[in-house]
Amino acid sequence: MHSQLLLFFGLIGSAIVVTAYLLNQTGRLASSDWRFPAANLVGAVAILLSLTDAWNLPAAVIEFFWAAISLYGLVRSLRPA
């Protein structure tokens, strides 16, 4: 059951990242909107969680950087102008 839950987290995380990208590309979610990096951060963390069960170093590396860049973008978007 534990494996299936982690797999579910990975699938949900992937869906969140892809949905954020789709909304961005269709002009419904700007890159400067705090929700864009927040969605990417949540998605990357969920995918990283899933990798604790089915380890894949290249996937973990890209998700780590995806999360770090998303965190930077989130902090930047929440700073007062």
C-alpha atoms as a PDB file:
ATOM      1  CA  MET A   1       0.000   0.000   0.000  1.00  0.00           C
ATOM      2  CA  HIS A   2       2.854   2.392   0.848  1.00  0.00           C
ATOM      3  CA  SER A   3       4.302   2.002  -2.663  1.00  0.00           C
ATOM      4  CA  GLN A   4       0.964   2.726  -4.261  1.00  0.00           C
ATOM      5  CA  LEU A   5       0.516   5.887  -2.198  1.00  0.00           C
ATOM      6  CA  LEU A   6       3.938   7.159  -3.257  1.00  0.00           C
ATOM      7  CA  LEU A   7       3.133   6.317  -6.873  1.00  0.00           C
ATOM      8  CA  PHE A   8      -0.097   8.304  -6.498  1.00  0.00           C
ATOM      9  CA  PHE A   9       1.882  11.297  -5.154  1.00  0.00           C
ATOM     10  CA  GLY A  10       4.161  11.111  -8.178  1.00  0.00           C
ATOM     11  CA  LEU A  11       1.244  11.022 -10.599  1.00  0.00           C
ATOM     12  CA  ILE A  12      -0.505  13.930  -8.881  1.00  0.00           C
ATOM     13  CA  GLY A  13       2.757  15.899  -8.824  1.00  0.00           C
ATOM     14  CA  SER A  14       3.232  15.302 -12.538  1.00  0.00           C
ATOM     15  CA  ALA A  15      -0.331  16.407 -13.229  1.00  0.00           C
ATOM     16  CA  ILE A  16       0.177  19.600 -11.219  1.00  0.00           C
ATOM     17  CA  VAL A  17       3.385  20.520 -13.074  1.00  0.00           C
ATOM     18  CA  VAL A  18       1.897  19.782 -16.498  1.00  0.00           C
ATOM     19  CA  THR A  19      -1.318  21.667 -15.692  1.00  0.00           C
ATOM     20  CA  ALA A  20       0.624  24.725 -14.508  1.00  0.00           C
ATOM     21  CA  TYR A  21       2.664  24.650 -17.708  1.00  0.00           C
ATOM     22  CA  LEU A  22      -0.445  24.283 -19.860  1.00  0.00           C
ATOM     23  CA  LEU A  23      -2.149  27.201 -18.090  1.00  0.00           C
ATOM     24  CA  ASN A  24       0.991  29.281 -18.552  1.00  0.00           C
ATOM     25  CA  GLN A  25       1.264  28.481 -22.243  1.00  0.00           C
ATOM     26  CA  THR A  26      -2.409  29.256 -22.870  1.00  0.00           C
ATOM     27  CA  GLY A  27      -2.073  32.629 -21.138  1.00  0.00           C
ATOM     28  CA  ARG A  28      -4.274  31.753 -18.174  1.00  0.00           C
ATOM     29  CA  LEU A  29      -1.488  31.708 -15.581  1.00  0.00           C
ATOM     30  CA  ALA A  30       1.393  34.171 -15.822  1.00  0.00           C
ATOM     31  CA  SER A  31       4.893  33.135 -14.810  1.00  0.00           C
ATOM     32  CA  SER A  32       4.942  36.139 -12.477  1.00  0.00           C
ATOM     33  CA  ASP A  33       1.787  34.957 -10.669  1.00  0.00           C
ATOM     34  CA  TRP A  34       2.757  33.356  -7.337  1.00  0.00           C
ATOM     35  CA  ARG A  35       0.539  30.359  -8.141  1.00  0.00           C
ATOM     36  CA  PHE A  36       2.785  29.285 -11.039  1.00  0.00           C
ATOM     37  CA  PRO A  37       5.962  28.673  -8.998  1.00  0.00           C
ATOM     38  CA  ALA A  38       3.843  27.397  -6.086  1.00  0.00           C
ATOM     39  CA  ALA A  39       2.247  24.748  -8.290  1.00  0.00           C
ATOM     40  CA  ASN A  40       5.645  23.772  -9.673  1.00  0.00           C
ATOM     41  CA  LEU A  41       7.090  23.519  -6.167  1.00  0.00           C
ATOM     42  CA  VAL A  42       4.232  21.328  -4.923  1.00  0.00           C
ATOM     43  CA  GLY A  43       4.469  19.143  -8.012  1.00  0.00           C
ATOM     44  CA  ALA A  44       8.242  18.724  -7.739  1.00  0.00           C
ATOM     45  CA  VAL A  45       8.061  17.836  -4.042  1.00  0.00           C
ATOM     46  CA  ALA A  46       5.334  15.265  -4.720  1.00  0.00           C
ATOM     47  CA  ILE A  47       7.443  13.693  -7.472  1.00  0.00           C
ATOM     48  CA  LEU A  48      10.493  13.667  -5.176  1.00  0.00           C
ATOM     49  CA  LEU A  49       8.412  11.874  -2.535  1.00  0.00           C
ATOM     50  CA  SER A  50       7.453   9.218  -5.058  1.00  0.00           C
ATOM     51  CA  LEU A  51      11.130   8.701  -5.896  1.00  0.00           C
ATOM     52  CA  THR A  52      11.823   7.554  -2.334  1.00  0.00           C
ATOM     53  CA  ASP A  53      10.153   4.273  -3.302  1.00  0.00           C
ATOM     54  CA  ALA A  54      11.422   3.911  -6.875  1.00  0.00           C
ATOM     55  CA  TRP A  55      14.778   5.715  -6.825  1.00  0.00           C
ATOM     56  CA  ASN A  56      15.996   7.291 -10.047  1.00  0.00           C
ATOM     57  CA  LEU A  57      18.952   9.632  -9.649  1.00  0.00           C
ATOM     58  CA  PRO A  58      18.466  11.681 -12.857  1.00  0.00           C
ATOM     59  CA  ALA A  59      14.789  12.228 -12.034  1.00  0.00           C
ATOM     60  CA  ALA A  60      15.665  13.211  -8.459  1.00  0.00           C
ATOM     61  CA  VAL A  61      18.286  15.700  -9.667  1.00  0.00           C
ATOM     62  CA  ILE A  62      15.919  17.443 -12.060  1.00  0.00           C
ATOM     63  CA  GLU A  63      13.104  17.539  -9.482  1.00  0.00           C
ATOM     64  CA  PHE A  64      15.487  18.970  -6.870  1.00  0.00           C
ATOM     65  CA  PHE A  65      16.447  21.784  -9.242  1.00  0.00           C
ATOM     66  CA  TRP A  66      12.809  22.217 -10.320  1.00  0.00           C
ATOM     67  CA  ALA A  67      11.830  22.654  -6.661  1.00  0.00           C
ATOM     68  CA  ALA A  68      14.736  25.017  -5.917  1.00  0.00           C
ATOM     69  CA  ILE A  69      13.996  27.244  -8.914  1.00  0.00           C
ATOM     70  CA  SER A  70      10.290  27.202  -8.081  1.00  0.00           C
ATOM     71  CA  LEU A  71      11.040  28.213  -4.493  1.00  0.00           C
ATOM     72  CA  TYR A  72      13.162  31.095  -5.784  1.00  0.00           C
ATOM     73  CA  GLY A  73      10.330  32.150  -8.119  1.00  0.00           C
ATOM     74  CA  LEU A  74       7.768  31.920  -5.341  1.00  0.00           C
ATOM     75  CA  VAL A  75       9.825  34.068  -2.963  1.00  0.00           C
ATOM     76  CA  ARG A  76      10.471  36.559  -5.753  1.00  0.00           C
ATOM     77  CA  SER A  77       6.793  36.785  -6.697  1.00  0.00           C
ATOM     78  CA  LEU A  78       5.728  37.355  -3.084  1.00  0.00           C
ATOM     79  CA  ARG A  79       8.198  40.196  -2.425  1.00  0.00           C
ATOM     80  CA  PRO A  80       6.648  43.642  -2.378  1.00  0.00           C
ATOM     81  CA  ALA A  81       7.434  45.607  -5.514  1.00  0.00           C
END
